[in-house]
Amino acid sequence: MRRCYQWLYSKNGLGLVAAADEGDVQCKELLRKLNTHINTIEFWQLNDRFDRAHYEVEQLKVWFNPIMSKEH
């Protein structure tokens, strides 16, 4: 999650947000998917289902960085 947030607030992430704000459909969809992942993780954490939250974090890692996930 930390890497995801760091990227989102980096120059690249801010560029993506700006492009989505300007109407880029692909950027909007990417941000929607990212937001869905984050909300799902937070939901499971708030409901004391840390096993499920951990699973969702692992899924986010795979989705967010597929090359890195294949190496590990």
PDB file of N, CA and C in Angstrom:
ATOM      1  N   MET A   1       0.826  -1.190   0.000  1.00  0.00           N
ATOM      2  CA  MET A   1       0.000   0.000   0.000  1.00  0.00           C
ATOM      3  C   MET A   1       0.869   1.252   0.000  1.00  0.00           C
ATOM      4  N   ARG A   2       1.942   1.219   0.797  1.00  0.00           N
ATOM      5  CA  ARG A   2       2.800   2.395   0.895  1.00  0.00           C
ATOM      6  C   ARG A   2       3.391   2.744  -0.467  1.00  0.00           C
ATOM      7  N   ARG A   3       3.849   1.725  -1.192  1.00  0.00           N
ATOM      8  CA  ARG A   3       4.417   1.983  -2.523  1.00  0.00           C
ATOM      9  C   ARG A   3       3.374   2.553  -3.466  1.00  0.00           C
ATOM     10  N   CYS A   4       2.155   2.063  -3.346  1.00  0.00           N
ATOM     11  CA  CYS A   4       1.061   2.546  -4.183  1.00  0.00           C
ATOM     12  C   CYS A   4       0.797   4.023  -3.905  1.00  0.00           C
ATOM     13  N   TYR A   5       0.697   4.384  -2.624  1.00  0.00           N
ATOM     14  CA  TYR A   5       0.470   5.787  -2.259  1.00  0.00           C
ATOM     15  C   TYR A   5       1.647   6.665  -2.674  1.00  0.00           C
ATOM     16  N   GLN A   6       2.867   6.155  -2.487  1.00  0.00           N
ATOM     17  CA  GLN A   6       4.035   6.939  -2.881  1.00  0.00           C
ATOM     18  C   GLN A   6       4.015   7.216  -4.373  1.00  0.00           C
ATOM     19  N   TRP A   7       3.658   6.203  -5.169  1.00  0.00           N
ATOM     20  CA  TRP A   7       3.609   6.407  -6.601  1.00  0.00           C
ATOM     21  C   TRP A   7       2.507   7.401  -6.954  1.00  0.00           C
ATOM     22  N   LEU A   8       1.353   7.250  -6.324  1.00  0.00           N
ATOM     23  CA  LEU A   8       0.218   8.109  -6.634  1.00  0.00           C
ATOM     24  C   LEU A   8       0.539   9.576  -6.379  1.00  0.00           C
ATOM     25  N   TYR A   9       1.340   9.855  -5.350  1.00  0.00           N
ATOM     26  CA  TYR A   9       1.697  11.235  -5.022  1.00  0.00           C
ATOM     27  C   TYR A   9       3.027  11.662  -5.622  1.00  0.00           C
ATOM     28  N   SER A  10       3.617  10.819  -6.470  1.00  0.00           N
ATOM     29  CA  SER A  10       4.843  11.186  -7.175  1.00  0.00           C
ATOM     30  C   SER A  10       4.486  12.005  -8.416  1.00  0.00           C
ATOM     31  N   LYS A  11       5.510  12.431  -9.137  1.00  0.00           N
ATOM     32  CA  LYS A  11       5.290  13.201 -10.368  1.00  0.00           C
ATOM     33  C   LYS A  11       4.441  12.408 -11.361  1.00  0.00           C
ATOM     34  N   ASN A  12       4.735  11.116 -11.508  1.00  0.00           N
ATOM     35  CA  ASN A  12       3.965  10.274 -12.439  1.00  0.00           C
ATOM     36  C   ASN A  12       2.517  10.143 -12.012  1.00  0.00           C
ATOM     37  N   GLY A  13       2.308   9.905 -10.730  1.00  0.00           N
ATOM     38  CA  GLY A  13       0.947   9.761 -10.227  1.00  0.00           C
ATOM     39  C   GLY A  13       0.150  11.037 -10.363  1.00  0.00           C
ATOM     40  N   LEU A  14       0.777  12.157 -10.057  1.00  0.00           N
ATOM     41  CA  LEU A  14       0.085  13.442 -10.179  1.00  0.00           C
ATOM     42  C   LEU A  14      -0.233  13.758 -11.635  1.00  0.00           C
ATOM     43  N   GLY A  15       0.645  13.327 -12.533  1.00  0.00           N
ATOM     44  CA  GLY A  15       0.381  13.493 -13.959  1.00  0.00           C
ATOM     45  C   GLY A  15      -0.826  12.677 -14.394  1.00  0.00           C
ATOM     46  N   LEU A  16      -0.953  11.484 -13.835  1.00  0.00           N
ATOM     47  CA  LEU A  16      -2.099  10.635 -14.126  1.00  0.00           C
ATOM     48  C   LEU A  16      -3.388  11.286 -13.629  1.00  0.00           C
ATOM     49  N   VAL A  17      -3.356  11.814 -12.414  1.00  0.00           N
ATOM     50  CA  VAL A  17      -4.527  12.483 -11.849  1.00  0.00           C
ATOM     51  C   VAL A  17      -4.901  13.701 -12.693  1.00  0.00           C
ATOM     52  N   ALA A  18      -3.895  14.462 -13.108  1.00  0.00           N
ATOM     53  CA  ALA A  18      -4.162  15.636 -13.936  1.00  0.00           C
ATOM     54  C   ALA A  18      -4.795  15.230 -15.267  1.00  0.00           C
ATOM     55  N   ALA A  19      -4.267  14.168 -15.878  1.00  0.00           N
ATOM     56  CA  ALA A  19      -4.819  13.704 -17.155  1.00  0.00           C
ATOM     57  C   ALA A  19      -6.260  13.232 -16.971  1.00  0.00           C
ATOM     58  N   ALA A  20      -6.537  12.561 -15.865  1.00  0.00           N
ATOM     59  CA  ALA A  20      -7.911  12.113 -15.595  1.00  0.00           C
ATOM     60  C   ALA A  20      -8.828  13.313 -15.408  1.00  0.00           C
ATOM     61  N   ASP A  21      -8.343  14.326 -14.709  1.00  0.00           N
ATOM     62  CA  ASP A  21      -9.134  15.547 -14.506  1.00  0.00           C
ATOM     63  C   ASP A  21      -9.426  16.254 -15.824  1.00  0.00           C
ATOM     64  N   GLU A  22      -8.522  16.098 -16.785  1.00  0.00           N
ATOM     65  CA  GLU A  22      -8.709  16.728 -18.097  1.00  0.00           C
ATOM     66  C   GLU A  22      -9.582  15.882 -19.015  1.00  0.00           C
ATOM     67  N   GLY A  23      -9.980  14.696 -18.545  1.00  0.00           N
ATOM     68  CA  GLY A  23     -10.915  13.894 -19.326  1.00  0.00           C
ATOM     69  C   GLY A  23     -10.360  12.647 -19.976  1.00  0.00           C
ATOM     70  N   ASP A  24      -9.096  12.291 -19.726  1.00  0.00           N
ATOM     71  CA  ASP A  24      -8.525  11.089 -20.318  1.00  0.00           C
ATOM     72  C   ASP A  24      -9.237   9.861 -19.745  1.00  0.00           C
ATOM     73  N   VAL A  25      -9.900   9.105 -20.600  1.00  0.00           N
ATOM     74  CA  VAL A  25     -10.733   7.979 -20.176  1.00  0.00           C
ATOM     75  C   VAL A  25      -9.885   6.867 -19.550  1.00  0.00           C
ATOM     76  N   GLN A  26      -8.741   6.546 -20.140  1.00  0.00           N
ATOM     77  CA  GLN A  26      -7.895   5.487 -19.594  1.00  0.00           C
ATOM     78  C   GLN A  26      -7.376   5.852 -18.205  1.00  0.00           C
ATOM     79  N   CYS A  27      -7.004   7.093 -18.016  1.00  0.00           N
ATOM     80  CA  CYS A  27      -6.522   7.543 -16.709  1.00  0.00           C
ATOM     81  C   CYS A  27      -7.638   7.512 -15.682  1.00  0.00           C
ATOM     82  N   LYS A  28      -8.829   7.894 -16.088  1.00  0.00           N
ATOM     83  CA  LYS A  28      -9.975   7.829 -15.175  1.00  0.00           C
ATOM     84  C   LYS A  28     -10.237   6.390 -14.743  1.00  0.00           C
ATOM     85  N   GLU A  29     -10.178   5.474 -15.682  1.00  0.00           N
ATOM     86  CA  GLU A  29     -10.425   4.061 -15.376  1.00  0.00           C
ATOM     87  C   GLU A  29      -9.340   3.510 -14.449  1.00  0.00           C
ATOM     88  N   LEU A  30      -8.101   3.858 -14.682  1.00  0.00           N
ATOM     89  CA  LEU A  30      -7.001   3.422 -13.823  1.00  0.00           C
ATOM     90  C   LEU A  30      -7.194   3.928 -12.392  1.00  0.00           C
ATOM     91  N   LEU A  31      -7.550   5.183 -12.240  1.00  0.00           N
ATOM     92  CA  LEU A  31      -7.791   5.741 -10.914  1.00  0.00           C
ATOM     93  C   LEU A  31      -9.008   5.104 -10.256  1.00  0.00           C
ATOM     94  N   ARG A  32     -10.027   4.784 -11.025  1.00  0.00           N
ATOM     95  CA  ARG A  32     -11.203   4.119 -10.474  1.00  0.00           C
ATOM     96  C   ARG A  32     -10.836   2.745  -9.920  1.00  0.00           C
ATOM     97  N   LYS A  33     -10.042   1.994 -10.683  1.00  0.00           N
ATOM     98  CA  LYS A  33      -9.616   0.670 -10.236  1.00  0.00           C
ATOM     99  C   LYS A  33      -8.743   0.772  -8.982  1.00  0.00           C
ATOM    100  N   LEU A  34      -7.834   1.704  -8.974  1.00  0.00           N
ATOM    101  CA  LEU A  34      -6.966   1.890  -7.818  1.00  0.00           C
ATOM    102  C   LEU A  34      -7.790   2.259  -6.590  1.00  0.00           C
ATOM    103  N   ASN A  35      -8.731   3.146  -6.753  1.00  0.00           N
ATOM    104  CA  ASN A  35      -9.601   3.556  -5.655  1.00  0.00           C
ATOM    105  C   ASN A  35     -10.435   2.378  -5.139  1.00  0.00           C
ATOM    106  N   THR A  36     -10.910   1.540  -6.036  1.00  0.00           N
ATOM    107  CA  THR A  36     -11.681   0.364  -5.639  1.00  0.00           C
ATOM    108  C   THR A  36     -10.827  -0.579  -4.789  1.00  0.00           C
ATOM    109  N   HIS A  37      -9.596  -0.810  -5.220  1.00  0.00           N
ATOM    110  CA  HIS A  37      -8.690  -1.664  -4.442  1.00  0.00           C
ATOM    111  C   HIS A  37      -8.483  -1.096  -3.040  1.00  0.00           C
ATOM    112  N   ILE A  38      -8.195   0.170  -2.956  1.00  0.00           N
ATOM    113  CA  ILE A  38      -7.931   0.809  -1.665  1.00  0.00           C
ATOM    114  C   ILE A  38      -9.163   0.757  -0.773  1.00  0.00           C
ATOM    115  N   ASN A  39     -10.326   1.059  -1.320  1.00  0.00           N
ATOM    116  CA  ASN A  39     -11.563   1.007  -0.525  1.00  0.00           C
ATOM    117  C   ASN A  39     -11.870  -0.400  -0.034  1.00  0.00           C
ATOM    118  N   THR A  40     -11.592  -1.396  -0.858  1.00  0.00           N
ATOM    119  CA  THR A  40     -11.824  -2.786  -0.465  1.00  0.00           C
ATOM    120  C   THR A  40     -10.916  -3.175   0.697  1.00  0.00           C
ATOM    121  N   ILE A  41      -9.659  -2.798   0.624  1.00  0.00           N
ATOM    122  CA  ILE A  41      -8.711  -3.090   1.704  1.00  0.00           C
ATOM    123  C   ILE A  41      -9.159  -2.414   2.991  1.00  0.00           C
ATOM    124  N   GLU A  42      -9.531  -1.159   2.904  1.00  0.00           N
ATOM    125  CA  GLU A  42      -9.978  -0.429   4.087  1.00  0.00           C
ATOM    126  C   GLU A  42     -11.245  -1.044   4.669  1.00  0.00           C
ATOM    127  N   PHE A  43     -12.167  -1.490   3.827  1.00  0.00           N
ATOM    128  CA  PHE A  43     -13.391  -2.124   4.298  1.00  0.00           C
ATOM    129  C   PHE A  43     -13.069  -3.350   5.152  1.00  0.00           C
ATOM    130  N   TRP A  44     -12.184  -4.225   4.636  1.00  0.00           N
ATOM    131  CA  TRP A  44     -11.856  -5.435   5.374  1.00  0.00           C
ATOM    132  C   TRP A  44     -11.111  -5.115   6.671  1.00  0.00           C
ATOM    133  N   GLN A  45     -10.270  -4.105   6.652  1.00  0.00           N
ATOM    134  CA  GLN A  45      -9.572  -3.714   7.876  1.00  0.00           C
ATOM    135  C   GLN A  45     -10.562  -3.220   8.928  1.00  0.00           C
ATOM    136  N   LEU A  46     -11.512  -2.405   8.526  1.00  0.00           N
ATOM    137  CA  LEU A  46     -12.497  -1.855   9.456  1.00  0.00           C
ATOM    138  C   LEU A  46     -13.425  -2.925  10.025  1.00  0.00           C
ATOM    139  N   ASN A  47     -13.565  -4.027   9.311  1.00  0.00           N
ATOM    140  CA  ASN A  47     -14.419  -5.118   9.765  1.00  0.00           C
ATOM    141  C   ASN A  47     -13.614  -6.249  10.414  1.00  0.00           C
ATOM    142  N   ASP A  48     -12.402  -5.926  10.851  1.00  0.00           N
ATOM    143  CA  ASP A  48     -11.529  -6.881  11.552  1.00  0.00           C
ATOM    144  C   ASP A  48     -11.291  -8.173  10.780  1.00  0.00           C
ATOM    145  N   ARG A  49     -11.196  -8.043   9.478  1.00  0.00           N
ATOM    146  CA  ARG A  49     -10.874  -9.188   8.626  1.00  0.00           C
ATOM    147  C   ARG A  49      -9.510  -8.947   8.001  1.00  0.00           C
ATOM    148  N   PHE A  50      -8.493  -9.001   8.851  1.00  0.00           N
ATOM    149  CA  PHE A  50      -7.150  -8.678   8.392  1.00  0.00           C
ATOM    150  C   PHE A  50      -6.591  -9.736   7.459  1.00  0.00           C
ATOM    151  N   ASP A  51      -7.089 -10.972   7.568  1.00  0.00           N
ATOM    152  CA  ASP A  51      -6.683 -11.991   6.615  1.00  0.00           C
ATOM    153  C   ASP A  51      -7.150 -11.619   5.209  1.00  0.00           C
ATOM    154  N   ARG A  52      -8.387 -11.161   5.123  1.00  0.00           N
ATOM    155  CA  ARG A  52      -8.928 -10.762   3.813  1.00  0.00           C
ATOM    156  C   ARG A  52      -8.271  -9.477   3.318  1.00  0.00           C
ATOM    157  N   ALA A  53      -8.004  -8.547   4.238  1.00  0.00           N
ATOM    158  CA  ALA A  53      -7.326  -7.304   3.861  1.00  0.00           C
ATOM    159  C   ALA A  53      -5.941  -7.623   3.304  1.00  0.00           C
ATOM    160  N   HIS A  54      -5.239  -8.567   3.966  1.00  0.00           N
ATOM    161  CA  HIS A  54      -3.915  -8.962   3.485  1.00  0.00           C
ATOM    162  C   HIS A  54      -4.001  -9.566   2.084  1.00  0.00           C
ATOM    163  N   TYR A  55      -5.004 -10.394   1.849  1.00  0.00           N
ATOM    164  CA  TYR A  55      -5.214 -10.975   0.522  1.00  0.00           C
ATOM    165  C   TYR A  55      -5.420  -9.876  -0.520  1.00  0.00           C
ATOM    166  N   GLU A  56      -6.241  -8.888  -0.188  1.00  0.00           N
ATOM    167  CA  GLU A  56      -6.499  -7.788  -1.122  1.00  0.00           C
ATOM    168  C   GLU A  56      -5.240  -6.958  -1.384  1.00  0.00           C
ATOM    169  N   VAL A  57      -4.403  -6.788  -0.364  1.00  0.00           N
ATOM    170  CA  VAL A  57      -3.137  -6.071  -0.556  1.00  0.00           C
ATOM    171  C   VAL A  57      -2.259  -6.838  -1.536  1.00  0.00           C
ATOM    172  N   GLU A  58      -2.218  -8.151  -1.378  1.00  0.00           N
ATOM    173  CA  GLU A  58      -1.424  -8.968  -2.296  1.00  0.00           C
ATOM    174  C   GLU A  58      -1.958  -8.864  -3.725  1.00  0.00           C
ATOM    175  N   GLN A  59      -3.277  -8.826  -3.874  1.00  0.00           N
ATOM    176  CA  GLN A  59      -3.873  -8.660  -5.203  1.00  0.00           C
ATOM    177  C   GLN A  59      -3.533  -7.293  -5.791  1.00  0.00           C
ATOM    178  N   LEU A  60      -3.511  -6.271  -4.947  1.00  0.00           N
ATOM    179  CA  LEU A  60      -3.130  -4.933  -5.398  1.00  0.00           C
ATOM    180  C   LEU A  60      -1.689  -4.930  -5.880  1.00  0.00           C
ATOM    181  N   LYS A  61      -0.812  -5.623  -5.166  1.00  0.00           N
ATOM    182  CA  LYS A  61       0.593  -5.706  -5.587  1.00  0.00           C
ATOM    183  C   LYS A  61       0.700  -6.327  -6.980  1.00  0.00           C
ATOM    184  N   VAL A  62      -0.031  -7.401  -7.195  1.00  0.00           N
ATOM    185  CA  VAL A  62       0.002  -8.078  -8.495  1.00  0.00           C
ATOM    186  C   VAL A  62      -0.512  -7.159  -9.595  1.00  0.00           C
ATOM    187  N   TRP A  63      -1.626  -6.502  -9.319  1.00  0.00           N
ATOM    188  CA  TRP A  63      -2.217  -5.615 -10.321  1.00  0.00           C
ATOM    189  C   TRP A  63      -1.356  -4.379 -10.560  1.00  0.00           C
ATOM    190  N   PHE A  64      -0.821  -3.817  -9.480  1.00  0.00           N
ATOM    191  CA  PHE A  64      -0.097  -2.557  -9.584  1.00  0.00           C
ATOM    192  C   PHE A  64       1.285  -2.746 -10.187  1.00  0.00           C
ATOM    193  N   ASN A  65       1.906  -3.872  -9.942  1.00  0.00           N
ATOM    194  CA  ASN A  65       3.271  -4.088 -10.413  1.00  0.00           C
ATOM    195  C   ASN A  65       3.439  -5.545 -10.833  1.00  0.00           C
ATOM    196  N   PRO A  66       2.889  -5.941 -11.970  1.00  0.00           N
ATOM    197  CA  PRO A  66       2.906  -7.346 -12.369  1.00  0.00           C
ATOM    198  C   PRO A  66       4.304  -7.918 -12.598  1.00  0.00           C
ATOM    199  N   ILE A  67       5.239  -7.121 -13.070  1.00  0.00           N
ATOM    200  CA  ILE A  67       6.596  -7.600 -13.309  1.00  0.00           C
ATOM    201  C   ILE A  67       7.266  -7.954 -11.989  1.00  0.00           C
ATOM    202  N   MET A  68       7.134  -7.090 -11.001  1.00  0.00           N
ATOM    203  CA  MET A  68       7.730  -7.325  -9.695  1.00  0.00           C
ATOM    204  C   MET A  68       7.119  -8.571  -9.061  1.00  0.00           C
ATOM    205  N   SER A  69       5.837  -8.779  -9.209  1.00  0.00           N
ATOM    206  CA  SER A  69       5.151  -9.918  -8.597  1.00  0.00           C
ATOM    207  C   SER A  69       5.610 -11.229  -9.194  1.00  0.00           C
ATOM    208  N   LYS A  70       5.921 -11.262 -10.477  1.00  0.00           N
ATOM    209  CA  LYS A  70       6.374 -12.483 -11.124  1.00  0.00           C
ATOM    210  C   LYS A  70       7.761 -12.882 -10.653  1.00  0.00           C
ATOM    211  N   GLU A  71       8.571 -11.907 -10.249  1.00  0.00           N
ATOM    212  CA  GLU A  71       9.921 -12.193  -9.797  1.00  0.00           C
ATOM    213  C   GLU A  71       9.923 -12.820  -8.410  1.00  0.00           C
ATOM    214  N   HIS A  72       8.865 -12.590  -7.622  1.00  0.00           N
ATOM    215  CA  HIS A  72       8.854 -13.087  -6.236  1.00  0.00           C
ATOM    216  C   HIS A  72       7.947 -14.237  -6.111  1.00  0.00           C
TER     217      HIS A  72
END
